[in-house]
C-alpha atoms as a PDB file:
ATOM      1  CA  PHE A   1      -3.661  10.808  22.936  1.00  0.00           C
ATOM      2  CA  TYR A   2      -4.435  13.234  25.691  1.00  0.00           C
ATOM      3  CA  SER A   3      -1.534  15.618  26.124  1.00  0.00           C
ATOM      4  CA  ARG A   4       0.859  15.663  23.186  1.00  0.00           C
ATOM      5  CA  ASP A   5       0.769  17.781  20.055  1.00  0.00           C
ATOM      6  CA  PHE A   6       3.522  16.695  17.684  1.00  0.00           C
ATOM      7  CA  LEU A   7       2.101  16.229  14.188  1.00  0.00           C
ATOM      8  CA  PRO A   8       3.023  19.088  11.808  1.00  0.00           C
ATOM      9  CA  ARG A   9       0.111  21.453  11.215  1.00  0.00           C
ATOM     10  CA  GLY A  10      -0.496  24.300   8.788  1.00  0.00           C
ATOM     11  CA  SER A  11      -2.286  25.382   5.648  1.00  0.00           C
ATOM     12  CA  GLY A  12      -2.020  23.547   2.347  1.00  0.00           C
ATOM     13  CA  ILE A  13      -0.566  20.051   2.091  1.00  0.00           C
ATOM     14  CA  VAL A  14       1.353  19.326   5.311  1.00  0.00           C
ATOM     15  CA  THR A  15       1.500  15.503   5.349  1.00  0.00           C
ATOM     16  CA  ARG A  16       3.746  14.800   2.357  1.00  0.00           C
ATOM     17  CA  ARG A  17       4.894  11.306   3.314  1.00  0.00           C
ATOM     18  CA  PRO A  18       2.868   8.508   4.924  1.00  0.00           C
ATOM     19  CA  LEU A  19       3.428   8.459   8.693  1.00  0.00           C
ATOM     20  CA  VAL A  20       3.055   5.046  10.312  1.00  0.00           C
ATOM     21  CA  LEU A  21       2.304   5.869  13.949  1.00  0.00           C
ATOM     22  CA  GLN A  22       2.432   2.947  16.375  1.00  0.00           C
ATOM     23  CA  LEU A  23       0.958   3.754  19.794  1.00  0.00           C
ATOM     24  CA  ILE A  24       1.972   1.406  22.608  1.00  0.00           C
ATOM     25  CA  ASN A  25       0.649   1.510  26.147  1.00  0.00           C
ATOM     26  CA  GLY A  26       3.588   1.531  28.559  1.00  0.00           C
ATOM     27  CA  LYS A  27       4.797   3.025  31.842  1.00  0.00           C
ATOM     28  CA  GLN A  28       7.161   5.639  30.383  1.00  0.00           C
ATOM     29  CA  GLU A  29       6.445   8.242  27.701  1.00  0.00           C
ATOM     30  CA  PHE A  30       8.892   8.477  24.804  1.00  0.00           C
ATOM     31  CA  ALA A  31       9.097   8.265  21.019  1.00  0.00           C
ATOM     32  CA  GLU A  32      11.369   6.404  18.599  1.00  0.00           C
ATOM     33  CA  PHE A  33      11.850   6.678  14.828  1.00  0.00           C
ATOM     34  CA  VAL A  34      12.922   3.660  12.771  1.00  0.00           C
ATOM     35  CA  HIS A  35      15.337   5.884  10.816  1.00  0.00           C
ATOM     36  CA  CYS A  36      16.948   7.117  14.086  1.00  0.00           C
ATOM     37  CA  LYS A  37      17.806   3.756  15.624  1.00  0.00           C
ATOM     38  CA  GLY A  38      18.822   3.970  19.259  1.00  0.00           C
ATOM     39  CA  ARG A  39      17.694   7.580  19.701  1.00  0.00           C
ATOM     40  CA  ILE A  40      14.962   8.201  22.269  1.00  0.00           C
ATOM     41  CA  PHE A  41      12.803  11.351  22.021  1.00  0.00           C
ATOM     42  CA  THR A  42      11.153  12.714  25.173  1.00  0.00           C
ATOM     43  CA  ASP A  43      10.671  16.282  23.874  1.00  0.00           C
ATOM     44  CA  PHE A  44       7.695  16.100  21.519  1.00  0.00           C
ATOM     45  CA  GLU A  45       8.583  19.419  19.883  1.00  0.00           C
ATOM     46  CA  MET A  46      11.689  17.572  18.657  1.00  0.00           C
ATOM     47  CA  VAL A  47       9.443  14.754  17.402  1.00  0.00           C
ATOM     48  CA  ARG A  48       7.548  17.285  15.301  1.00  0.00           C
ATOM     49  CA  LYS A  49      10.799  18.772  13.982  1.00  0.00           C
ATOM     50  CA  GLU A  50      12.156  15.323  13.091  1.00  0.00           C
ATOM     51  CA  ILE A  51       8.967  14.503  11.149  1.00  0.00           C
ATOM     52  CA  GLU A  52       9.325  17.771   9.238  1.00  0.00           C
ATOM     53  CA  ASP A  53      13.075  17.302   8.653  1.00  0.00           C
ATOM     54  CA  GLU A  54      12.726  13.672   7.547  1.00  0.00           C
ATOM     55  CA  THR A  55       9.906  14.697   5.192  1.00  0.00           C
ATOM     56  CA  ASP A  56      12.130  17.381   3.657  1.00  0.00           C
ATOM     57  CA  ARG A  57      15.037  14.935   3.292  1.00  0.00           C
ATOM     58  CA  ALA A  58      12.965  12.766   0.966  1.00  0.00           C
ATOM     59  CA  THR A  59      10.777  15.367  -0.737  1.00  0.00           C
ATOM     60  CA  GLY A  60      12.559  18.718  -0.583  1.00  0.00           C
ATOM     61  CA  SER A  61      11.206  21.718   1.276  1.00  0.00           C
ATOM     62  CA  ASN A  62       8.785  23.024  -1.357  1.00  0.00           C
ATOM     63  CA  LYS A  63       5.694  20.792  -1.083  1.00  0.00           C
ATOM     64  CA  GLY A  64       6.995  17.701  -2.908  1.00  0.00           C
ATOM     65  CA  ILE A  65       5.628  14.269  -1.872  1.00  0.00           C
ATOM     66  CA  SER A  66       7.009  10.740  -1.395  1.00  0.00           C
ATOM     67  CA  ASN A  67       5.354   7.359  -0.810  1.00  0.00           C
ATOM     68  CA  VAL A  68       8.215   6.174   1.464  1.00  0.00           C
ATOM     69  CA  PRO A  69       6.745   6.043   4.991  1.00  0.00           C
ATOM     70  CA  ILE A  70       8.130   7.584   8.157  1.00  0.00           C
ATOM     71  CA  ASN A  71       7.809   5.041  10.980  1.00  0.00           C
ATOM     72  CA  LEU A  72       7.239   6.453  14.466  1.00  0.00           C
ATOM     73  CA  LYS A  73       6.628   4.470  17.654  1.00  0.00           C
ATOM     74  CA  VAL A  74       5.222   6.276  20.708  1.00  0.00           C
ATOM     75  CA  THR A  75       5.067   4.563  24.090  1.00  0.00           C
ATOM     76  CA  SER A  76       2.945   6.237  26.772  1.00  0.00           C
ATOM     77  CA  PRO A  77       0.639   5.429  29.709  1.00  0.00           C
ATOM     78  CA  ASN A  78      -1.918   7.781  28.097  1.00  0.00           C
ATOM     79  CA  VAL A  79      -2.551   5.783  24.909  1.00  0.00           C
ATOM     80  CA  LEU A  80      -4.357   2.628  23.862  1.00  0.00           C
ATOM     81  CA  ASN A  81      -2.533   0.136  21.630  1.00  0.00           C
ATOM     82  CA  LEU A  82      -3.235   1.355  18.126  1.00  0.00           C
ATOM     83  CA  THR A  83      -1.419   1.727  14.804  1.00  0.00           C
ATOM     84  CA  LEU A  84      -2.442   4.594  12.526  1.00  0.00           C
ATOM     85  CA  ILE A  85      -1.223   5.567   9.059  1.00  0.00           C
ATOM     86  CA  ASP A  86      -1.496   9.292   8.389  1.00  0.00           C
ATOM     87  CA  LEU A  87      -1.762   9.876   4.636  1.00  0.00           C
ATOM     88  CA  PRO A  88      -1.673  13.090   2.577  1.00  0.00           C
ATOM     89  CA  GLY A  89      -5.038  14.697   2.006  1.00  0.00           C
ATOM     90  CA  MET A  90      -6.514  14.704  -1.485  1.00  0.00           C
ATOM     91  CA  THR A  91      -5.387  17.742  -3.459  1.00  0.00           C
ATOM     92  CA  LYS A  92      -6.423  19.060  -6.861  1.00  0.00           C
ATOM     93  CA  VAL A  93      -3.879  21.745  -7.831  1.00  0.00           C
ATOM     94  CA  ALA A  94      -0.076  21.441  -7.875  1.00  0.00           C
ATOM     95  CA  VAL A  95       1.880  24.016  -5.838  1.00  0.00           C
ATOM     96  CA  GLY A  96       5.594  24.544  -5.210  1.00  0.00           C
ATOM     97  CA  ASP A  97       7.698  21.629  -6.468  1.00  0.00           C
ATOM     98  CA  GLN A  98       4.702  19.360  -6.945  1.00  0.00           C
ATOM     99  CA  PRO A  99       4.314  17.750 -10.376  1.00  0.00           C
ATOM    100  CA  PRO A 100       1.233  18.533 -12.506  1.00  0.00           C
ATOM    101  CA  ASP A 101      -0.147  15.053 -11.773  1.00  0.00           C
ATOM    102  CA  ILE A 102      -0.015  15.539  -7.989  1.00  0.00           C
ATOM    103  CA  GLU A 103      -3.671  14.498  -7.612  1.00  0.00           C
ATOM    104  CA  THR A 104      -2.999  11.176  -9.372  1.00  0.00           C
ATOM    105  CA  GLN A 105       0.159  10.567  -7.327  1.00  0.00           C
ATOM    106  CA  ILE A 106      -1.581  11.147  -3.979  1.00  0.00           C
ATOM    107  CA  ARG A 107      -4.533   9.036  -5.037  1.00  0.00           C
ATOM    108  CA  SER A 108      -2.199   6.166  -5.993  1.00  0.00           C
ATOM    109  CA  MET A 109      -0.385   6.490  -2.658  1.00  0.00           C
ATOM    110  CA  ILE A 110      -3.643   6.338  -0.704  1.00  0.00           C
ATOM    111  CA  MET A 111      -4.909   3.375  -2.735  1.00  0.00           C
ATOM    112  CA  GLU A 112      -1.653   1.526  -2.048  1.00  0.00           C
ATOM    113  CA  PHE A 113      -2.593   1.456   1.643  1.00  0.00           C
ATOM    114  CA  ILE A 114      -6.386   1.357   1.757  1.00  0.00           C
ATOM    115  CA  GLY A 115      -6.669  -1.252  -0.999  1.00  0.00           C
ATOM    116  CA  LYS A 116      -5.372  -3.920   1.388  1.00  0.00           C
ATOM    117  CA  ASP A 117      -8.092  -6.059   2.963  1.00  0.00           C
ATOM    118  CA  SER A 118      -6.173  -6.035   6.253  1.00  0.00           C
ATOM    119  CA  CYS A 119      -6.494  -2.240   6.516  1.00  0.00           C
ATOM    120  CA  LEU A 120      -9.302  -0.318   8.212  1.00  0.00           C
ATOM    121  CA  ILE A 121     -10.149   2.985   6.541  1.00  0.00           C
ATOM    122  CA  LEU A 122     -10.710   6.113   8.621  1.00  0.00           C
ATOM    123  CA  ALA A 123     -12.723   8.352   6.276  1.00  0.00           C
ATOM    124  CA  VAL A 124     -12.622  11.907   7.637  1.00  0.00           C
ATOM    125  CA  SER A 125     -15.117  14.431   6.255  1.00  0.00           C
ATOM    126  CA  PRO A 126     -16.022  17.993   7.338  1.00  0.00           C
ATOM    127  CA  ALA A 127     -19.594  18.569   8.505  1.00  0.00           C
ATOM    128  CA  ASN A 128     -19.751  21.989   6.831  1.00  0.00           C
ATOM    129  CA  ALA A 129     -19.490  20.445   3.343  1.00  0.00           C
ATOM    130  CA  ASP A 130     -21.834  18.127   1.447  1.00  0.00           C
ATOM    131  CA  LEU A 131     -21.074  14.563   2.542  1.00  0.00           C
ATOM    132  CA  ALA A 132     -21.981  13.314  -0.946  1.00  0.00           C
ATOM    133  CA  ASN A 133     -18.901  15.190  -2.228  1.00  0.00           C
ATOM    134  CA  SER A 134     -16.525  13.706   0.352  1.00  0.00           C
ATOM    135  CA  ASP A 135     -13.258  12.612  -1.288  1.00  0.00           C
ATOM    136  CA  ALA A 136     -12.568  10.299   1.670  1.00  0.00           C
ATOM    137  CA  LEU A 137     -15.878   8.428   1.387  1.00  0.00           C
ATOM    138  CA  LYS A 138     -15.689   8.331  -2.404  1.00  0.00           C
ATOM    139  CA  ILE A 139     -12.246   6.687  -2.504  1.00  0.00           C
ATOM    140  CA  ALA A 140     -13.130   4.371   0.410  1.00  0.00           C
ATOM    141  CA  LYS A 141     -16.210   3.203  -1.506  1.00  0.00           C
ATOM    142  CA  GLU A 142     -14.027   2.176  -4.448  1.00  0.00           C
ATOM    143  CA  VAL A 143     -11.968  -0.317  -2.431  1.00  0.00           C
ATOM    144  CA  ASP A 144     -14.613  -1.186   0.170  1.00  0.00           C
ATOM    145  CA  PRO A 145     -18.014  -1.150  -1.623  1.00  0.00           C
ATOM    146  CA  PRO A 146     -19.961  -2.807   1.248  1.00  0.00           C
ATOM    147  CA  GLY A 147     -18.367  -0.432   3.771  1.00  0.00           C
ATOM    148  CA  THR A 148     -17.199  -3.225   6.066  1.00  0.00           C
ATOM    149  CA  ARG A 149     -13.726  -1.719   6.562  1.00  0.00           C
ATOM    150  CA  THR A 150     -14.682   1.954   6.689  1.00  0.00           C
ATOM    151  CA  ILE A 151     -15.171   4.074   9.823  1.00  0.00           C
ATOM    152  CA  GLY A 152     -16.631   7.538   9.255  1.00  0.00           C
ATOM    153  CA  VAL A 153     -15.380  10.558  11.195  1.00  0.00           C
ATOM    154  CA  ILE A 154     -17.187  13.900  10.946  1.00  0.00           C
ATOM    155  CA  THR A 155     -15.212  17.025  11.874  1.00  0.00           C
ATOM    156  CA  LYS A 156     -16.028  20.754  12.082  1.00  0.00           C
ATOM    157  CA  LEU A 157     -19.457  20.184  13.604  1.00  0.00           C
ATOM    158  CA  ASP A 158     -19.039  23.503  15.430  1.00  0.00           C
ATOM    159  CA  LEU A 159     -18.631  25.359  12.119  1.00  0.00           C
ATOM    160  CA  MET A 160     -21.978  24.405  10.586  1.00  0.00           C
ATOM    161  CA  ASP A 161     -24.409  27.186   9.658  1.00  0.00           C
ATOM    162  CA  ASP A 162     -26.980  28.099  12.302  1.00  0.00           C
ATOM    163  CA  GLY A 163     -30.099  25.970  11.998  1.00  0.00           C
ATOM    164  CA  THR A 164     -28.258  23.035  10.415  1.00  0.00           C
ATOM    165  CA  ASP A 165     -26.833  19.900  11.974  1.00  0.00           C
ATOM    166  CA  ALA A 166     -25.305  16.539  11.056  1.00  0.00           C
ATOM    167  CA  ARG A 167     -27.705  14.399  13.066  1.00  0.00           C
ATOM    168  CA  ASP A 168     -28.810  12.211  10.122  1.00  0.00           C
ATOM    169  CA  ILE A 169     -25.167  11.516   9.254  1.00  0.00           C
ATOM    170  CA  LEU A 170     -24.132  10.683  12.821  1.00  0.00           C
ATOM    171  CA  GLU A 171     -27.186   8.451  13.262  1.00  0.00           C
ATOM    172  CA  ASN A 172     -25.961   6.598  10.144  1.00  0.00           C
ATOM    173  CA  LYS A 173     -29.094   7.380   8.126  1.00  0.00           C
ATOM    174  CA  LEU A 174     -27.824   9.576   5.260  1.00  0.00           C
ATOM    175  CA  LEU A 175     -24.932   7.543   3.792  1.00  0.00           C
ATOM    176  CA  PRO A 176     -24.830   4.424   5.995  1.00  0.00           C
ATOM    177  CA  LEU A 177     -21.602   2.655   6.898  1.00  0.00           C
ATOM    178  CA  ARG A 178     -21.463  -0.752   8.609  1.00  0.00           C
ATOM    179  CA  ARG A 179     -19.211   0.704  11.300  1.00  0.00           C
ATOM    180  CA  GLY A 180     -21.044   4.028  11.507  1.00  0.00           C
ATOM    181  CA  TYR A 181     -19.848   7.591  12.100  1.00  0.00           C
ATOM    182  CA  ILE A 182     -18.293   9.397  15.040  1.00  0.00           C
ATOM    183  CA  GLY A 183     -18.341  13.176  15.399  1.00  0.00           C
ATOM    184  CA  VAL A 184     -15.389  15.160  16.768  1.00  0.00           C
ATOM    185  CA  VAL A 185     -14.625  18.821  17.400  1.00  0.00           C
ATOM    186  CA  ASN A 186     -10.964  19.650  16.918  1.00  0.00           C
ATOM    187  CA  ARG A 187      -9.069  22.789  17.819  1.00  0.00           C
ATOM    188  CA  SER A 188      -9.251  25.641  15.326  1.00  0.00           C
ATOM    189  CA  GLN A 189      -6.118  27.001  13.639  1.00  0.00           C
ATOM    190  CA  LYS A 190      -6.357  29.950  16.031  1.00  0.00           C
ATOM    191  CA  ASP A 191      -6.469  27.535  18.998  1.00  0.00           C
ATOM    192  CA  ILE A 192      -3.394  25.727  17.693  1.00  0.00           C
ATOM    193  CA  GLU A 193      -1.452  28.931  17.128  1.00  0.00           C
ATOM    194  CA  GLY A 194      -2.484  30.091  20.602  1.00  0.00           C
ATOM    195  CA  ARG A 195      -1.218  26.783  22.071  1.00  0.00           C
ATOM    196  CA  LYS A 196      -4.613  25.830  23.437  1.00  0.00           C
ATOM    197  CA  ASP A 197      -4.143  22.856  25.772  1.00  0.00           C
ATOM    198  CA  ILE A 198      -5.412  19.553  24.365  1.00  0.00           C
ATOM    199  CA  ARG A 199      -7.052  18.622  27.673  1.00  0.00           C
ATOM    200  CA  GLN A 200      -8.982  21.888  27.567  1.00  0.00           C
ATOM    201  CA  ALA A 201      -9.928  21.207  23.948  1.00  0.00           C
ATOM    202  CA  LEU A 202     -11.271  17.766  24.922  1.00  0.00           C
ATOM    203  CA  SER A 203     -13.256  19.308  27.763  1.00  0.00           C
ATOM    204  CA  ASN A 204     -14.741  21.877  25.359  1.00  0.00           C
ATOM    205  CA  GLU A 205     -15.556  19.102  22.880  1.00  0.00           C
ATOM    206  CA  ARG A 206     -17.450  17.206  25.580  1.00  0.00           C
ATOM    207  CA  LYS A 207     -19.391  20.341  26.558  1.00  0.00           C
ATOM    208  CA  PHE A 208     -20.268  20.962  22.907  1.00  0.00           C
ATOM    209  CA  PHE A 209     -21.924  17.565  22.486  1.00  0.00           C
ATOM    210  CA  LEU A 210     -23.687  17.649  25.851  1.00  0.00           C
ATOM    211  CA  GLY A 211     -25.010  21.159  25.205  1.00  0.00           C
ATOM    212  CA  HIS A 212     -26.143  20.742  21.593  1.00  0.00           C
ATOM    213  CA  PRO A 213     -29.852  19.869  21.208  1.00  0.00           C
ATOM    214  CA  SER A 214     -29.195  17.688  18.141  1.00  0.00           C
ATOM    215  CA  TYR A 215     -26.320  15.716  19.650  1.00  0.00           C
ATOM    216  CA  ARG A 216     -26.836  15.524  23.417  1.00  0.00           C
ATOM    217  CA  HIS A 217     -28.768  12.236  23.138  1.00  0.00           C
ATOM    218  CA  MET A 218     -25.684  10.627  21.544  1.00  0.00           C
ATOM    219  CA  ALA A 219     -22.992  12.561  23.435  1.00  0.00           C
ATOM    220  CA  ASP A 220     -21.549   9.385  24.960  1.00  0.00           C
ATOM    221  CA  ARG A 221     -20.914   8.045  21.445  1.00  0.00           C
ATOM    222  CA  MET A 222     -19.203  11.203  20.197  1.00  0.00           C
ATOM    223  CA  GLY A 223     -15.849  12.863  20.747  1.00  0.00           C
ATOM    224  CA  THR A 224     -12.142  12.109  20.440  1.00  0.00           C
ATOM    225  CA  PRO A 225     -11.763   9.840  23.529  1.00  0.00           C
ATOM    226  CA  TYR A 226     -14.678   7.689  22.329  1.00  0.00           C
ATOM    227  CA  LEU A 227     -13.173   7.548  18.822  1.00  0.00           C
ATOM    228  CA  GLN A 228      -9.877   6.367  20.319  1.00  0.00           C
ATOM    229  CA  ARG A 229     -11.582   3.535  22.211  1.00  0.00           C
ATOM    230  CA  VAL A 230     -13.609   2.498  19.159  1.00  0.00           C
ATOM    231  CA  LEU A 231     -10.521   2.409  16.950  1.00  0.00           C
ATOM    232  CA  ASN A 232      -8.634   0.310  19.490  1.00  0.00           C
ATOM    233  CA  GLN A 233     -11.523  -2.163  19.752  1.00  0.00           C
ATOM    234  CA  GLN A 234     -12.312  -2.344  16.042  1.00  0.00           C
ATOM    235  CA  LEU A 235      -8.668  -2.692  15.016  1.00  0.00           C
ATOM    236  CA  THR A 236      -8.217  -5.519  17.546  1.00  0.00           C
ATOM    237  CA  ASN A 237     -11.304  -7.297  16.192  1.00  0.00           C
ATOM    238  CA  HIS A 238     -10.221  -6.699  12.596  1.00  0.00           C
ATOM    239  CA  ILE A 239      -6.756  -8.173  13.235  1.00  0.00           C
ATOM    240  CA  ARG A 240      -8.355 -11.230  14.839  1.00  0.00           C
ATOM    241  CA  ASP A 241     -10.684 -11.686  11.849  1.00  0.00           C
ATOM    242  CA  THR A 242      -8.005 -11.235   9.167  1.00  0.00           C
ATOM    243  CA  LEU A 243      -5.174 -13.082  10.905  1.00  0.00           C
ATOM    244  CA  PRO A 244      -6.008 -16.595   9.558  1.00  0.00           C
ATOM    245  CA  SER A 245      -5.815 -15.510   5.905  1.00  0.00           C
ATOM    246  CA  LEU A 246      -2.702 -13.437   6.619  1.00  0.00           C
ATOM    247  CA  ARG A 247      -1.059 -16.411   8.337  1.00  0.00           C
ATOM    248  CA  ASN A 248      -1.843 -18.669   5.342  1.00  0.00           C
ATOM    249  CA  LYS A 249      -0.391 -16.101   2.947  1.00  0.00           C
ATOM    250  CA  LEU A 250       2.823 -15.773   4.964  1.00  0.00           C
ATOM    251  CA  GLN A 251       3.197 -19.555   5.232  1.00  0.00           C
ATOM    252  CA  SER A 252       2.875 -19.967   1.462  1.00  0.00           C
ATOM    253  CA  GLN A 253       5.464 -17.211   0.927  1.00  0.00           C
ATOM    254  CA  LEU A 254       7.811 -18.926   3.385  1.00  0.00           C
ATOM    255  CA  LEU A 255       7.492 -22.267   1.582  1.00  0.00           C
ATOM    256  CA  SER A 256       8.207 -20.550  -1.731  1.00  0.00           C
ATOM    257  CA  MET A 257      11.311 -18.885  -0.289  1.00  0.00           C
ATOM    258  CA  GLU A 258      12.556 -22.185   1.155  1.00  0.00           C
ATOM    259  CA  ARG A 259      12.233 -23.795  -2.294  1.00  0.00           C
ATOM    260  CA  ASP A 260      14.200 -20.911  -3.820  1.00  0.00           C
ATOM    261  CA  VAL A 261      16.967 -21.374  -1.230  1.00  0.00           C
ATOM    262  CA  GLU A 262      17.226 -25.092  -2.018  1.00  0.00           C
ATOM    263  CA  GLU A 263      17.337 -24.408  -5.762  1.00  0.00           C
ATOM    264  CA  TYR A 264      20.136 -21.891  -5.300  1.00  0.00           C
ATOM    265  CA  LYS A 265      22.115 -24.312  -3.131  1.00  0.00           C
ATOM    266  CA  ASN A 266      21.718 -27.053  -5.749  1.00  0.00           C
ATOM    267  CA  PHE A 267      22.681 -24.671  -8.545  1.00  0.00           C
ATOM    268  CA  ARG A 268      25.947 -23.637  -6.774  1.00  0.00           C
ATOM    269  CA  PRO A 269      26.933 -26.727  -4.747  1.00  0.00           C
ATOM    270  CA  ASP A 270      30.670 -25.856  -4.719  1.00  0.00           C
ATOM    271  CA  ASP A 271      30.196 -22.383  -3.255  1.00  0.00           C
ATOM    272  CA  PRO A 272      30.981 -22.586   0.507  1.00  0.00           C
ATOM    273  CA  THR A 273      28.917 -19.452   1.171  1.00  0.00           C
ATOM    274  CA  ARG A 274      25.968 -20.682  -0.883  1.00  0.00           C
ATOM    275  CA  LYS A 275      23.583 -20.915   2.087  1.00  0.00           C
ATOM    276  CA  THR A 276      24.261 -17.316   3.174  1.00  0.00           C
ATOM    277  CA  LYS A 277      23.952 -16.075  -0.402  1.00  0.00           C
ATOM    278  CA  ALA A 278      20.761 -18.037  -0.880  1.00  0.00           C
ATOM    279  CA  LEU A 279      19.247 -16.590   2.287  1.00  0.00           C
ATOM    280  CA  MET A 280      20.301 -13.090   1.251  1.00  0.00           C
ATOM    281  CA  GLN A 281      18.786 -13.631  -2.169  1.00  0.00           C
END
């Protein structure tokens, strides 16, 4: 997503409700929220504000959380078709209005999504911390032991101590994943506050990988644009692979519902609205 910055950012827990973000390649650029039917957003600062306001409507304004998703659809010529679910980061200590069991609540919320076989897991870990202690990889391993659904993303490569690098991780040698790892360099908090242009940030990211002695040999397999293409391709393949079992599950649910409708109609044969009531039920 090359030119828009609309997800809320800040210190502490910022994502307090799941955000289902559906990217659709199209000629015009605009955004729509499911909870704002008929309203088209073209100002992405207003998109950010609506995410923040809708979060506060469900959770309050003092760091509370909710597992009810916000659904956002963005159509743009600058995106590949891709659906992402942005979940709260793992937290250990309750702040503000958060309950004492905030860690358990967030963990349960994350498991609710990543436990589904139809879901790919994007496990994001910082390069300047021990990968063996990664909360993202640890929780992904619980629901995906063979690592067939997990894609590793390594951030903060530019913040590693001098003389260290993440080459073994990015070459998938340290903690291997079937789908491997991709390194990215995001904007710093200072860059964000200074409104650093995303295009410039992507250019700097590219220069970082090309100029780093440990990463230049894999520069074409690193960076945010490459990650975007990989996610588009892998999600498409994953949908194709899981569609038969999903179709069978939906068909069995449909048959079950049709039986329930018939039973209701037989139970209330004199009710002229029985079919409507049965369908509603």
